Amino acid sequence: MSGQAWIQDPKTANTMRFHLDPKSWSAHPMYFVDSGRPLPGAPPLLKTRSHMRRNEARELWLKLKAQGWKQVAPKWGAGVDV
C-alpha cells in the first residue's frame, strides 16, 4: 500500500481512505485511516480517523476485502465533485 487507497462497503456505502502520514519516518511508515460516508449533493459525513502502522493498515485492508468491500476511486477531497 502506498500513497492513498480507498475501499467501500457496497451494501452501506461506508468508505475508508487509507493515506500515508507524511510526518512518519520512512523506516516506520504510519497511515491515517479515515472512515466516513459520501453524501449525494453534500459534504461527506466523516466519522473517525485512526493512526496505525503500515502492517496494521494492510491487515485491516485485507480483512475488509475478505468481507466484500471493494476498492473505489476517491470519494471526497480535492478534485472530487460532491
N, C-alpha and C. Protein backbone atom coordinates (compact mmCIF):
# COMPACT_ATOMS: atom_id res chain seq x y z
N MET A 1 0.86 -1.17 0.00
CA MET A 1 0.00 0.00 0.00
C MET A 1 0.91 1.23 0.00
N SER A 2 0.67 2.14 -0.92
CA SER A 2 1.48 3.35 -0.97
C SER A 2 0.59 4.55 -1.25
N GLY A 3 1.00 5.72 -0.81
CA GLY A 3 0.22 6.93 -1.08
C GLY A 3 -1.13 6.89 -0.41
N GLN A 4 -2.17 6.64 -1.20
CA GLN A 4 -3.51 6.54 -0.64
C GLN A 4 -4.32 5.51 -1.41
N ALA A 5 -5.31 4.95 -0.74
CA ALA A 5 -6.21 3.98 -1.35
C ALA A 5 -7.56 4.10 -0.67
N TRP A 6 -8.60 3.78 -1.42
CA TRP A 6 -9.98 3.90 -0.94
C TRP A 6 -10.68 2.56 -1.04
N ILE A 7 -11.51 2.24 -0.05
CA ILE A 7 -12.26 0.99 -0.05
C ILE A 7 -13.66 1.29 0.49
N GLN A 8 -14.67 0.61 -0.10
CA GLN A 8 -16.06 0.93 0.25
C GLN A 8 -16.87 -0.35 0.40
N ASP A 9 -17.76 -0.33 1.38
CA ASP A 9 -18.71 -1.42 1.57
C ASP A 9 -19.86 -1.19 0.59
N PRO A 10 -20.04 -2.07 -0.40
CA PRO A 10 -21.10 -1.84 -1.39
C PRO A 10 -22.51 -1.89 -0.80
N LYS A 11 -22.68 -2.51 0.36
CA LYS A 11 -24.01 -2.61 0.97
C LYS A 11 -24.42 -1.32 1.69
N THR A 12 -23.46 -0.63 2.30
CA THR A 12 -23.79 0.52 3.14
C THR A 12 -23.21 1.84 2.65
N ALA A 13 -22.29 1.81 1.70
CA ALA A 13 -21.56 2.98 1.20
C ALA A 13 -20.57 3.52 2.23
N ASN A 14 -20.38 2.82 3.37
CA ASN A 14 -19.32 3.23 4.29
C ASN A 14 -18.00 3.13 3.55
N THR A 15 -17.16 4.13 3.73
CA THR A 15 -15.93 4.24 2.96
C THR A 15 -14.76 4.50 3.88
N MET A 16 -13.60 3.94 3.53
CA MET A 16 -12.38 4.22 4.26
C MET A 16 -11.31 4.69 3.30
N ARG A 17 -10.59 5.71 3.74
CA ARG A 17 -9.46 6.24 2.98
C ARG A 17 -8.20 5.93 3.76
N PHE A 18 -7.29 5.19 3.15
CA PHE A 18 -6.00 4.87 3.74
C PHE A 18 -4.98 5.80 3.10
N HIS A 19 -4.29 6.62 3.90
CA HIS A 19 -3.29 7.51 3.32
C HIS A 19 -2.09 7.65 4.24
N LEU A 20 -0.93 7.74 3.61
CA LEU A 20 0.34 7.80 4.30
C LEU A 20 0.45 9.07 5.12
N ASP A 21 0.94 8.95 6.34
CA ASP A 21 1.23 10.10 7.18
C ASP A 21 2.56 10.68 6.71
N PRO A 22 2.56 11.88 6.12
CA PRO A 22 3.81 12.43 5.58
C PRO A 22 4.84 12.74 6.66
N LYS A 23 4.45 12.78 7.92
CA LYS A 23 5.39 13.07 9.00
C LYS A 23 5.99 11.81 9.62
N SER A 24 5.56 10.65 9.15
CA SER A 24 6.12 9.41 9.71
C SER A 24 7.49 9.14 9.10
N TRP A 25 8.29 8.39 9.82
CA TRP A 25 9.62 8.04 9.35
C TRP A 25 9.52 7.03 8.23
N SER A 26 10.40 7.15 7.26
CA SER A 26 10.36 6.22 6.13
C SER A 26 10.66 4.78 6.58
N ALA A 27 11.45 4.63 7.65
CA ALA A 27 11.75 3.30 8.15
C ALA A 27 10.55 2.67 8.88
N HIS A 28 9.64 3.51 9.37
CA HIS A 28 8.46 3.04 10.10
C HIS A 28 7.24 3.83 9.64
N PRO A 29 6.78 3.59 8.40
CA PRO A 29 5.66 4.38 7.88
C PRO A 29 4.37 4.15 8.66
N MET A 30 3.65 5.24 8.85
CA MET A 30 2.36 5.22 9.53
C MET A 30 1.30 5.68 8.54
N TYR A 31 0.09 5.17 8.73
CA TYR A 31 -1.03 5.54 7.87
C TYR A 31 -2.17 6.10 8.69
N PHE A 32 -2.88 7.07 8.09
CA PHE A 32 -4.15 7.52 8.62
C PHE A 32 -5.23 6.71 7.91
N VAL A 33 -6.26 6.33 8.64
CA VAL A 33 -7.41 5.65 8.05
C VAL A 33 -8.63 6.47 8.43
N ASP A 34 -9.19 7.17 7.44
CA ASP A 34 -10.39 7.99 7.64
C ASP A 34 -11.61 7.16 7.27
N SER A 35 -12.62 7.22 8.11
CA SER A 35 -13.85 6.48 7.88
C SER A 35 -14.99 7.47 7.72
N GLY A 36 -15.85 7.23 6.74
CA GLY A 36 -16.99 8.11 6.55
C GLY A 36 -17.92 7.58 5.48
N ARG A 37 -18.84 8.45 5.09
CA ARG A 37 -19.81 8.07 4.07
C ARG A 37 -20.04 9.26 3.15
N PRO A 38 -19.85 9.08 1.83
CA PRO A 38 -20.17 10.16 0.90
C PRO A 38 -21.68 10.40 0.86
N LEU A 39 -22.07 11.66 0.80
CA LEU A 39 -23.49 12.02 0.74
C LEU A 39 -23.75 12.75 -0.57
N PRO A 40 -24.72 12.30 -1.37
CA PRO A 40 -25.01 12.95 -2.65
C PRO A 40 -25.39 14.42 -2.46
N GLY A 41 -24.69 15.30 -3.18
CA GLY A 41 -25.01 16.72 -3.15
C GLY A 41 -24.63 17.43 -1.86
N ALA A 42 -23.84 16.79 -1.01
CA ALA A 42 -23.45 17.40 0.26
C ALA A 42 -22.03 16.95 0.62
N PRO A 43 -21.40 17.65 1.55
CA PRO A 43 -20.09 17.20 2.01
C PRO A 43 -20.20 15.81 2.65
N PRO A 44 -19.13 15.03 2.63
CA PRO A 44 -19.18 13.69 3.22
C PRO A 44 -19.36 13.76 4.73
N LEU A 45 -19.90 12.70 5.28
CA LEU A 45 -20.03 12.55 6.72
C LEU A 45 -18.80 11.77 7.20
N LEU A 46 -17.83 12.50 7.75
CA LEU A 46 -16.60 11.86 8.23
C LEU A 46 -16.82 11.44 9.68
N LYS A 47 -16.51 10.17 9.97
CA LYS A 47 -16.83 9.62 11.29
C LYS A 47 -15.62 9.47 12.19
N THR A 48 -14.55 8.86 11.69
CA THR A 48 -13.38 8.60 12.53
C THR A 48 -12.10 8.75 11.74
N ARG A 49 -11.00 8.94 12.47
CA ARG A 49 -9.66 8.88 11.89
C ARG A 49 -8.80 8.07 12.84
N SER A 50 -8.14 7.06 12.29
CA SER A 50 -7.22 6.22 13.06
C SER A 50 -5.82 6.43 12.53
N HIS A 51 -4.83 6.20 13.38
CA HIS A 51 -3.42 6.31 13.01
C HIS A 51 -2.79 4.97 13.32
N MET A 52 -2.24 4.30 12.32
CA MET A 52 -1.72 2.95 12.54
C MET A 52 -0.48 2.67 11.71
N ARG A 53 0.24 1.66 12.14
CA ARG A 53 1.43 1.23 11.39
C ARG A 53 0.99 0.63 10.06
N ARG A 54 1.94 0.62 9.11
CA ARG A 54 1.63 0.12 7.77
C ARG A 54 1.10 -1.31 7.80
N ASN A 55 1.72 -2.18 8.59
CA ASN A 55 1.26 -3.58 8.62
C ASN A 55 -0.15 -3.69 9.19
N GLU A 56 -0.50 -2.86 10.18
CA GLU A 56 -1.87 -2.87 10.73
C GLU A 56 -2.87 -2.38 9.69
N ALA A 57 -2.49 -1.33 8.94
CA ALA A 57 -3.37 -0.81 7.89
C ALA A 57 -3.58 -1.87 6.81
N ARG A 58 -2.52 -2.57 6.44
CA ARG A 58 -2.62 -3.61 5.42
C ARG A 58 -3.53 -4.75 5.89
N GLU A 59 -3.39 -5.14 7.17
CA GLU A 59 -4.25 -6.19 7.72
C GLU A 59 -5.71 -5.77 7.70
N LEU A 60 -6.00 -4.52 8.06
CA LEU A 60 -7.37 -4.02 8.03
C LEU A 60 -7.91 -4.04 6.61
N TRP A 61 -7.10 -3.58 5.64
CA TRP A 61 -7.50 -3.56 4.23
C TRP A 61 -7.87 -4.98 3.77
N LEU A 62 -7.00 -5.93 4.06
CA LEU A 62 -7.25 -7.32 3.63
C LEU A 62 -8.49 -7.90 4.31
N LYS A 63 -8.70 -7.58 5.58
CA LYS A 63 -9.89 -8.04 6.29
C LYS A 63 -11.15 -7.49 5.64
N LEU A 64 -11.15 -6.20 5.31
CA LEU A 64 -12.32 -5.58 4.67
C LEU A 64 -12.57 -6.18 3.29
N LYS A 65 -11.50 -6.41 2.51
CA LYS A 65 -11.65 -7.04 1.19
C LYS A 65 -12.28 -8.42 1.33
N ALA A 66 -11.86 -9.17 2.33
CA ALA A 66 -12.40 -10.52 2.55
C ALA A 66 -13.88 -10.46 2.93
N GLN A 67 -14.32 -9.34 3.50
CA GLN A 67 -15.72 -9.17 3.89
C GLN A 67 -16.57 -8.60 2.76
N GLY A 68 -15.96 -8.39 1.59
CA GLY A 68 -16.73 -7.95 0.43
C GLY A 68 -16.59 -6.48 0.07
N TRP A 69 -15.77 -5.73 0.80
CA TRP A 69 -15.54 -4.33 0.46
C TRP A 69 -14.79 -4.27 -0.86
N LYS A 70 -15.00 -3.19 -1.63
CA LYS A 70 -14.40 -3.03 -2.95
C LYS A 70 -13.52 -1.78 -2.99
N GLN A 71 -12.39 -1.89 -3.69
CA GLN A 71 -11.55 -0.71 -3.90
C GLN A 71 -12.29 0.23 -4.84
N VAL A 72 -12.28 1.54 -4.51
CA VAL A 72 -13.02 2.53 -5.29
C VAL A 72 -12.14 3.75 -5.54
N ALA A 73 -12.62 4.61 -6.45
CA ALA A 73 -11.98 5.89 -6.71
C ALA A 73 -12.21 6.81 -5.51
N PRO A 74 -11.41 7.86 -5.35
CA PRO A 74 -11.61 8.79 -4.23
C PRO A 74 -13.05 9.29 -4.16
N LYS A 75 -13.58 9.38 -2.94
CA LYS A 75 -14.97 9.77 -2.72
C LYS A 75 -15.12 11.17 -2.13
N TRP A 76 -14.06 11.75 -1.59
CA TRP A 76 -14.10 13.12 -1.10
C TRP A 76 -12.69 13.69 -1.15
N GLY A 77 -12.60 15.00 -1.01
CA GLY A 77 -11.31 15.68 -1.02
C GLY A 77 -11.14 16.50 -2.28
N ALA A 78 -9.93 17.02 -2.46
CA ALA A 78 -9.63 17.88 -3.60
C ALA A 78 -9.88 17.16 -4.91
N GLY A 79 -10.55 17.81 -5.82
CA GLY A 79 -10.78 17.27 -7.15
C GLY A 79 -11.95 16.31 -7.27
N VAL A 80 -12.70 16.12 -6.20
CA VAL A 80 -13.84 15.21 -6.24
C VAL A 80 -15.11 16.03 -6.18
N ASP A 81 -15.99 15.84 -7.17
CA ASP A 81 -17.28 16.53 -7.16
C ASP A 81 -18.19 15.87 -6.14
N VAL A 82 -18.76 16.68 -5.28
CA VAL A 82 -19.65 16.16 -4.24
C VAL A 82 -21.08 16.43 -4.63
